Amino acid sequence: MPTIIKVKGYRLFFVSFDGSEPIHVHVRKGNQSAKVWIAPLGFAWSEFKEYENKAILRIVRENEDLIREKWYEHFER
C-alpha cells in the first residue's frame, strides 16, 4: 500500500490490487478510511464526518496531478 502523501493527518495511498479500477485513492486517518474517485471527484465510500469529507476532497483536488503521476508510476510499471 504505497503512500502518496500525508496531509493534516490524512494518509493518501493506493491498494496494489486496485489497478484495474478507475484512478482513485484511499484515505486513512486513525481508524477511519475512505475511497475517493479522481474523475469525477467523489467518494466511493467514506467513514468520515461531512466536514472531514470536504477537507479530504480539497486535499485530493489540490494533489490531483501528483496522485495521477504516482498512479501511472505504480500501476503501469
N, C-alpha and C. Protein backbone atom coordinates (compact mmCIF):
# COMPACT_ATOMS: atom_id res chain seq x y z
N MET A 1 0.84 -1.18 0.00
CA MET A 1 0.00 0.00 0.00
C MET A 1 0.89 1.24 0.00
N PRO A 2 1.36 1.64 -1.17
CA PRO A 2 2.26 2.79 -1.24
C PRO A 2 1.58 4.09 -0.84
N THR A 3 2.20 4.81 0.07
CA THR A 3 1.71 6.12 0.48
C THR A 3 2.10 7.15 -0.56
N ILE A 4 1.15 7.99 -0.92
CA ILE A 4 1.40 9.05 -1.89
C ILE A 4 1.81 10.32 -1.17
N ILE A 5 1.02 10.67 -0.16
CA ILE A 5 1.26 11.92 0.57
C ILE A 5 0.54 11.84 1.91
N LYS A 6 1.05 12.58 2.88
CA LYS A 6 0.38 12.76 4.17
C LYS A 6 0.11 14.25 4.34
N VAL A 7 -1.16 14.58 4.60
CA VAL A 7 -1.56 15.98 4.75
C VAL A 7 -2.55 16.07 5.91
N LYS A 8 -2.25 16.92 6.88
CA LYS A 8 -3.15 17.18 8.01
C LYS A 8 -3.62 15.89 8.69
N GLY A 9 -2.73 14.92 8.78
CA GLY A 9 -3.05 13.67 9.45
C GLY A 9 -3.71 12.63 8.56
N TYR A 10 -4.07 13.01 7.34
CA TYR A 10 -4.67 12.08 6.38
C TYR A 10 -3.55 11.45 5.56
N ARG A 11 -3.59 10.14 5.43
CA ARG A 11 -2.63 9.42 4.59
C ARG A 11 -3.34 8.98 3.33
N LEU A 12 -2.85 9.43 2.19
CA LEU A 12 -3.41 9.05 0.90
C LEU A 12 -2.53 7.96 0.32
N PHE A 13 -3.16 6.87 -0.11
CA PHE A 13 -2.38 5.73 -0.58
C PHE A 13 -3.16 4.92 -1.60
N PHE A 14 -2.45 4.04 -2.28
CA PHE A 14 -3.06 3.10 -3.22
C PHE A 14 -3.08 1.72 -2.60
N VAL A 15 -4.02 0.91 -3.05
CA VAL A 15 -4.04 -0.50 -2.73
C VAL A 15 -3.62 -1.23 -4.00
N SER A 16 -2.59 -2.00 -3.94
CA SER A 16 -1.95 -2.55 -5.13
C SER A 16 -2.85 -3.38 -6.02
N PHE A 17 -3.89 -4.02 -5.49
CA PHE A 17 -4.76 -4.84 -6.33
C PHE A 17 -5.89 -4.05 -6.98
N ASP A 18 -5.91 -2.71 -6.81
CA ASP A 18 -6.98 -1.87 -7.35
C ASP A 18 -6.66 -1.29 -8.73
N GLY A 19 -5.59 -1.71 -9.35
CA GLY A 19 -5.15 -1.10 -10.60
C GLY A 19 -6.09 -1.26 -11.78
N SER A 20 -7.03 -2.20 -11.71
CA SER A 20 -7.97 -2.37 -12.81
C SER A 20 -9.16 -1.41 -12.70
N GLU A 21 -9.26 -0.70 -11.60
CA GLU A 21 -10.35 0.26 -11.40
C GLU A 21 -9.91 1.63 -11.92
N PRO A 22 -10.88 2.55 -12.10
CA PRO A 22 -10.51 3.93 -12.46
C PRO A 22 -9.62 4.54 -11.37
N ILE A 23 -8.90 5.60 -11.73
CA ILE A 23 -7.97 6.23 -10.78
C ILE A 23 -8.72 6.67 -9.52
N HIS A 24 -8.17 6.25 -8.41
CA HIS A 24 -8.73 6.62 -7.10
C HIS A 24 -7.63 6.53 -6.06
N VAL A 25 -7.95 7.01 -4.89
CA VAL A 25 -7.01 6.99 -3.78
C VAL A 25 -7.76 6.59 -2.52
N HIS A 26 -7.08 5.86 -1.66
CA HIS A 26 -7.64 5.54 -0.35
C HIS A 26 -7.10 6.56 0.65
N VAL A 27 -7.91 6.87 1.64
CA VAL A 27 -7.54 7.85 2.65
C VAL A 27 -7.76 7.22 4.02
N ARG A 28 -6.79 7.40 4.90
CA ARG A 28 -6.92 6.88 6.26
C ARG A 28 -6.44 7.94 7.25
N LYS A 29 -7.18 8.03 8.33
CA LYS A 29 -6.78 8.86 9.47
C LYS A 29 -7.34 8.16 10.70
N GLY A 30 -6.45 7.76 11.59
CA GLY A 30 -6.89 6.99 12.76
C GLY A 30 -7.52 5.69 12.31
N ASN A 31 -8.72 5.41 12.81
CA ASN A 31 -9.42 4.18 12.46
C ASN A 31 -10.42 4.36 11.33
N GLN A 32 -10.45 5.55 10.73
CA GLN A 32 -11.41 5.82 9.67
C GLN A 32 -10.73 5.80 8.31
N SER A 33 -11.52 5.47 7.29
CA SER A 33 -10.96 5.43 5.95
C SER A 33 -12.02 5.79 4.92
N ALA A 34 -11.55 6.02 3.69
CA ALA A 34 -12.43 6.38 2.59
C ALA A 34 -11.76 5.98 1.29
N LYS A 35 -12.56 5.91 0.25
CA LYS A 35 -12.07 5.68 -1.10
C LYS A 35 -12.61 6.81 -1.96
N VAL A 36 -11.69 7.51 -2.65
CA VAL A 36 -12.07 8.71 -3.41
C VAL A 36 -11.73 8.52 -4.88
N TRP A 37 -12.75 8.63 -5.74
CA TRP A 37 -12.54 8.61 -7.18
C TRP A 37 -11.96 9.96 -7.60
N ILE A 38 -11.09 9.96 -8.59
CA ILE A 38 -10.46 11.19 -9.04
C ILE A 38 -11.33 11.90 -10.08
N ALA A 39 -11.91 11.15 -11.02
CA ALA A 39 -12.72 11.78 -12.06
C ALA A 39 -13.94 10.91 -12.35
N PRO A 40 -15.12 11.40 -12.07
CA PRO A 40 -15.37 12.67 -11.40
C PRO A 40 -15.02 12.56 -9.92
N LEU A 41 -14.61 13.66 -9.36
CA LEU A 41 -14.19 13.69 -7.96
C LEU A 41 -15.37 13.38 -7.05
N GLY A 42 -15.20 12.36 -6.23
CA GLY A 42 -16.25 11.98 -5.30
C GLY A 42 -15.88 10.72 -4.55
N PHE A 43 -16.69 10.40 -3.58
CA PHE A 43 -16.43 9.24 -2.72
C PHE A 43 -17.09 7.99 -3.25
N ALA A 44 -16.33 6.90 -3.26
CA ALA A 44 -16.92 5.57 -3.45
C ALA A 44 -17.61 5.20 -2.14
N TRP A 45 -16.93 5.51 -1.05
CA TRP A 45 -17.47 5.34 0.30
C TRP A 45 -16.59 6.12 1.29
N SER A 46 -17.13 6.42 2.44
CA SER A 46 -16.37 7.15 3.45
C SER A 46 -16.92 6.86 4.84
N GLU A 47 -16.01 6.74 5.79
CA GLU A 47 -16.37 6.58 7.20
C GLU A 47 -16.21 7.90 7.95
N PHE A 48 -15.80 8.95 7.25
CA PHE A 48 -15.54 10.23 7.88
C PHE A 48 -16.81 11.07 8.01
N LYS A 49 -16.75 12.07 8.86
CA LYS A 49 -17.85 13.03 9.00
C LYS A 49 -17.85 13.98 7.81
N GLU A 50 -18.96 14.64 7.60
CA GLU A 50 -19.14 15.51 6.43
C GLU A 50 -18.06 16.59 6.34
N TYR A 51 -17.73 17.24 7.46
CA TYR A 51 -16.72 18.29 7.40
C TYR A 51 -15.34 17.72 7.03
N GLU A 52 -15.08 16.48 7.45
CA GLU A 52 -13.82 15.83 7.08
C GLU A 52 -13.83 15.46 5.60
N ASN A 53 -14.99 15.02 5.10
CA ASN A 53 -15.10 14.70 3.68
C ASN A 53 -14.78 15.92 2.82
N LYS A 54 -15.24 17.08 3.23
CA LYS A 54 -14.94 18.31 2.48
C LYS A 54 -13.44 18.58 2.48
N ALA A 55 -12.80 18.39 3.61
CA ALA A 55 -11.35 18.60 3.70
C ALA A 55 -10.61 17.58 2.83
N ILE A 56 -11.07 16.34 2.84
CA ILE A 56 -10.43 15.30 2.04
C ILE A 56 -10.55 15.62 0.56
N LEU A 57 -11.73 16.01 0.11
CA LEU A 57 -11.91 16.36 -1.30
C LEU A 57 -11.01 17.52 -1.70
N ARG A 58 -10.85 18.49 -0.83
CA ARG A 58 -9.97 19.63 -1.11
C ARG A 58 -8.52 19.14 -1.24
N ILE A 59 -8.09 18.27 -0.35
CA ILE A 59 -6.72 17.73 -0.40
C ILE A 59 -6.51 16.94 -1.70
N VAL A 60 -7.48 16.11 -2.05
CA VAL A 60 -7.35 15.32 -3.28
C VAL A 60 -7.31 16.24 -4.49
N ARG A 61 -8.19 17.23 -4.53
CA ARG A 61 -8.21 18.17 -5.66
C ARG A 61 -6.87 18.90 -5.79
N GLU A 62 -6.34 19.37 -4.67
CA GLU A 62 -5.07 20.11 -4.68
C GLU A 62 -3.88 19.23 -5.08
N ASN A 63 -4.02 17.92 -4.92
CA ASN A 63 -2.92 17.00 -5.21
C ASN A 63 -3.23 16.05 -6.37
N GLU A 64 -4.21 16.41 -7.18
CA GLU A 64 -4.63 15.53 -8.26
C GLU A 64 -3.50 15.18 -9.22
N ASP A 65 -2.69 16.15 -9.59
CA ASP A 65 -1.59 15.87 -10.52
C ASP A 65 -0.61 14.86 -9.93
N LEU A 66 -0.27 15.03 -8.67
CA LEU A 66 0.64 14.10 -8.00
C LEU A 66 0.02 12.71 -7.92
N ILE A 67 -1.26 12.63 -7.58
CA ILE A 67 -1.95 11.35 -7.48
C ILE A 67 -1.93 10.63 -8.82
N ARG A 68 -2.25 11.36 -9.89
CA ARG A 68 -2.24 10.75 -11.23
C ARG A 68 -0.83 10.26 -11.60
N GLU A 69 0.15 11.10 -11.33
CA GLU A 69 1.54 10.72 -11.65
C GLU A 69 1.93 9.44 -10.91
N LYS A 70 1.64 9.39 -9.62
CA LYS A 70 2.00 8.22 -8.82
C LYS A 70 1.18 6.98 -9.23
N TRP A 71 -0.07 7.19 -9.63
CA TRP A 71 -0.90 6.08 -10.08
C TRP A 71 -0.26 5.41 -11.28
N TYR A 72 0.10 6.23 -12.29
CA TYR A 72 0.68 5.66 -13.50
C TYR A 72 2.05 5.04 -13.23
N GLU A 73 2.82 5.64 -12.34
CA GLU A 73 4.11 5.04 -11.97
C GLU A 73 3.90 3.66 -11.33
N HIS A 74 2.93 3.58 -10.45
CA HIS A 74 2.71 2.33 -9.69
C HIS A 74 2.06 1.24 -10.53
N PHE A 75 1.01 1.58 -11.27
CA PHE A 75 0.23 0.56 -11.94
C PHE A 75 0.65 0.26 -13.36
N GLU A 76 1.51 1.08 -13.93
CA GLU A 76 1.94 0.83 -15.31
C GLU A 76 3.41 0.49 -15.40
N ARG A 77 3.97 -0.09 -14.34
CA ARG A 77 5.38 -0.45 -14.37
C ARG A 77 5.64 -1.65 -15.21
